Amino acid sequence: MPAKSKVQQKAAGAALSAKRGETRKAKLKGASRQMVETMTEKELRDLASTRRKGKPERASKR
């Protein structure tokens, strides 16, 4: 599942870092804090590896 926006991709990268133990979970804010608890490492890796080129900064709410 690719990220829909740059912000979602960055949050997934932060959550993935915390899940791997590279950063502390206490430093996470917002969506990345929730992502680390609810998503698997593979799901986070898929979101974080999405290319940012051509993505909007934020996804539109629908």
N, C-alpha and C. Protein backbone atom coordinates (compact mmCIF):
# COMPACT_ATOMS: atom_id res chain seq x y z
N MET A 1 0.85 -1.17 0.00
CA MET A 1 0.00 0.00 0.00
C MET A 1 0.90 1.24 0.00
N PRO A 2 0.91 2.00 -1.07
CA PRO A 2 1.77 3.18 -1.13
C PRO A 2 1.19 4.34 -0.33
N ALA A 3 2.06 5.21 0.13
CA ALA A 3 1.64 6.40 0.87
C ALA A 3 0.90 7.34 -0.08
N LYS A 4 -0.09 8.05 0.44
CA LYS A 4 -0.87 8.97 -0.38
C LYS A 4 -0.32 10.38 -0.35
N SER A 5 0.55 10.68 0.61
CA SER A 5 1.11 12.03 0.70
C SER A 5 2.51 11.97 1.30
N LYS A 6 3.23 13.10 1.18
CA LYS A 6 4.56 13.19 1.76
C LYS A 6 4.52 13.07 3.27
N VAL A 7 3.50 13.66 3.89
CA VAL A 7 3.39 13.63 5.34
C VAL A 7 3.18 12.21 5.84
N GLN A 8 2.34 11.44 5.14
CA GLN A 8 2.09 10.05 5.53
C GLN A 8 3.37 9.23 5.38
N GLN A 9 4.13 9.48 4.34
CA GLN A 9 5.37 8.75 4.10
C GLN A 9 6.38 9.05 5.20
N LYS A 10 6.49 10.31 5.60
CA LYS A 10 7.44 10.70 6.66
C LYS A 10 7.03 10.10 8.00
N ALA A 11 5.72 10.09 8.29
CA ALA A 11 5.24 9.52 9.55
C ALA A 11 5.52 8.02 9.60
N ALA A 12 5.34 7.35 8.48
CA ALA A 12 5.62 5.91 8.42
C ALA A 12 7.11 5.65 8.65
N GLY A 13 7.96 6.50 8.11
CA GLY A 13 9.40 6.35 8.32
C GLY A 13 9.78 6.52 9.78
N ALA A 14 9.17 7.48 10.45
CA ALA A 14 9.44 7.70 11.86
C ALA A 14 8.95 6.51 12.69
N ALA A 15 7.77 6.01 12.37
CA ALA A 15 7.22 4.86 13.09
C ALA A 15 8.07 3.61 12.87
N LEU A 16 8.55 3.44 11.65
CA LEU A 16 9.40 2.28 11.34
C LEU A 16 10.70 2.35 12.14
N SER A 17 11.27 3.52 12.24
CA SER A 17 12.49 3.70 13.02
C SER A 17 12.26 3.33 14.48
N ALA A 18 11.13 3.73 15.03
CA ALA A 18 10.82 3.40 16.42
C ALA A 18 10.55 1.91 16.60
N LYS A 19 9.88 1.32 15.63
CA LYS A 19 9.57 -0.11 15.71
C LYS A 19 10.85 -0.93 15.69
N ARG A 20 11.85 -0.49 14.95
CA ARG A 20 13.13 -1.19 14.88
C ARG A 20 14.02 -0.90 16.08
N GLY A 21 13.64 0.09 16.90
CA GLY A 21 14.42 0.41 18.08
C GLY A 21 15.52 1.44 17.82
N GLU A 22 15.49 2.07 16.66
CA GLU A 22 16.50 3.07 16.33
C GLU A 22 16.22 4.41 17.00
N THR A 23 14.95 4.71 17.24
CA THR A 23 14.56 5.92 17.98
C THR A 23 13.58 5.53 19.07
N ARG A 24 13.40 6.41 20.03
CA ARG A 24 12.49 6.12 21.14
C ARG A 24 11.04 6.39 20.76
N LYS A 25 10.13 5.54 21.20
CA LYS A 25 8.71 5.72 20.92
C LYS A 25 8.18 6.99 21.57
N ALA A 26 8.78 7.40 22.66
CA ALA A 26 8.33 8.60 23.37
C ALA A 26 8.54 9.87 22.53
N LYS A 27 9.44 9.82 21.56
CA LYS A 27 9.70 10.99 20.71
C LYS A 27 8.67 11.13 19.59
N LEU A 28 7.89 10.11 19.33
CA LEU A 28 6.92 10.16 18.24
C LEU A 28 5.73 11.05 18.60
N LYS A 29 5.16 11.68 17.57
CA LYS A 29 3.99 12.53 17.76
C LYS A 29 2.94 12.18 16.72
N GLY A 30 1.71 12.44 17.03
CA GLY A 30 0.62 12.32 16.07
C GLY A 30 0.44 10.94 15.47
N ALA A 31 0.32 10.92 14.15
CA ALA A 31 0.00 9.69 13.42
C ALA A 31 1.09 8.63 13.57
N SER A 32 2.35 9.05 13.63
CA SER A 32 3.42 8.06 13.72
C SER A 32 3.35 7.27 15.02
N ARG A 33 2.89 7.91 16.09
CA ARG A 33 2.74 7.20 17.37
C ARG A 33 1.68 6.11 17.26
N GLN A 34 0.60 6.41 16.55
CA GLN A 34 -0.46 5.43 16.37
C GLN A 34 -0.03 4.33 15.39
N MET A 35 0.71 4.71 14.37
CA MET A 35 1.17 3.74 13.37
C MET A 35 2.05 2.66 13.98
N VAL A 36 2.95 3.04 14.88
CA VAL A 36 3.89 2.08 15.46
C VAL A 36 3.15 1.01 16.26
N GLU A 37 2.01 1.35 16.83
CA GLU A 37 1.24 0.39 17.62
C GLU A 37 0.34 -0.50 16.77
N THR A 38 -0.16 0.01 15.64
CA THR A 38 -1.19 -0.71 14.90
C THR A 38 -0.71 -1.38 13.63
N MET A 39 0.49 -1.05 13.14
CA MET A 39 0.94 -1.59 11.86
C MET A 39 2.15 -2.50 12.05
N THR A 40 2.28 -3.45 11.14
CA THR A 40 3.44 -4.35 11.18
C THR A 40 4.64 -3.65 10.56
N GLU A 41 5.81 -4.22 10.77
CA GLU A 41 7.03 -3.63 10.21
C GLU A 41 6.98 -3.65 8.68
N LYS A 42 6.41 -4.69 8.10
CA LYS A 42 6.31 -4.78 6.64
C LYS A 42 5.39 -3.69 6.10
N GLU A 43 4.26 -3.45 6.74
CA GLU A 43 3.35 -2.40 6.30
C GLU A 43 4.02 -1.03 6.39
N LEU A 44 4.73 -0.80 7.48
CA LEU A 44 5.43 0.48 7.64
C LEU A 44 6.53 0.64 6.60
N ARG A 45 7.24 -0.44 6.31
CA ARG A 45 8.30 -0.39 5.31
C ARG A 45 7.73 -0.05 3.94
N ASP A 46 6.57 -0.64 3.60
CA ASP A 46 5.93 -0.35 2.32
C ASP A 46 5.52 1.12 2.22
N LEU A 47 4.96 1.66 3.29
CA LEU A 47 4.56 3.07 3.29
C LEU A 47 5.77 3.99 3.23
N ALA A 48 6.78 3.68 4.00
CA ALA A 48 7.95 4.55 4.08
C ALA A 48 8.78 4.53 2.80
N SER A 49 8.74 3.45 2.06
CA SER A 49 9.57 3.34 0.86
C SER A 49 8.91 3.96 -0.37
N THR A 50 7.71 4.50 -0.24
CA THR A 50 7.03 5.15 -1.34
C THR A 50 7.82 6.36 -1.81
N ARG A 51 7.93 6.53 -3.10
CA ARG A 51 8.63 7.70 -3.64
C ARG A 51 7.82 8.96 -3.38
N ARG A 52 8.48 10.03 -3.01
CA ARG A 52 7.80 11.29 -2.70
C ARG A 52 7.52 12.14 -3.92
N LYS A 53 8.27 11.93 -4.98
CA LYS A 53 8.12 12.78 -6.15
C LYS A 53 6.70 12.68 -6.71
N GLY A 54 6.06 13.81 -6.89
CA GLY A 54 4.71 13.85 -7.44
C GLY A 54 3.60 13.69 -6.41
N LYS A 55 3.96 13.46 -5.16
CA LYS A 55 2.95 13.32 -4.10
C LYS A 55 2.59 14.69 -3.55
N PRO A 56 1.34 14.89 -3.18
CA PRO A 56 0.98 16.14 -2.52
C PRO A 56 1.56 16.18 -1.10
N GLU A 57 1.74 17.38 -0.57
CA GLU A 57 2.25 17.51 0.79
C GLU A 57 1.30 16.83 1.77
N ARG A 58 0.02 17.11 1.62
CA ARG A 58 -1.00 16.49 2.46
C ARG A 58 -2.09 15.92 1.56
N ALA A 59 -2.66 14.80 1.94
CA ALA A 59 -3.74 14.18 1.17
C ALA A 59 -5.03 14.93 1.45
N SER A 60 -5.86 15.03 0.42
CA SER A 60 -7.15 15.71 0.60
C SER A 60 -8.08 14.80 1.39
N LYS A 61 -8.93 15.41 2.20
CA LYS A 61 -9.88 14.64 3.01
C LYS A 61 -11.10 14.32 2.15
N ARG A 62 -11.46 13.04 2.14
CA ARG A 62 -12.63 12.61 1.37
C ARG A 62 -13.57 11.85 2.23
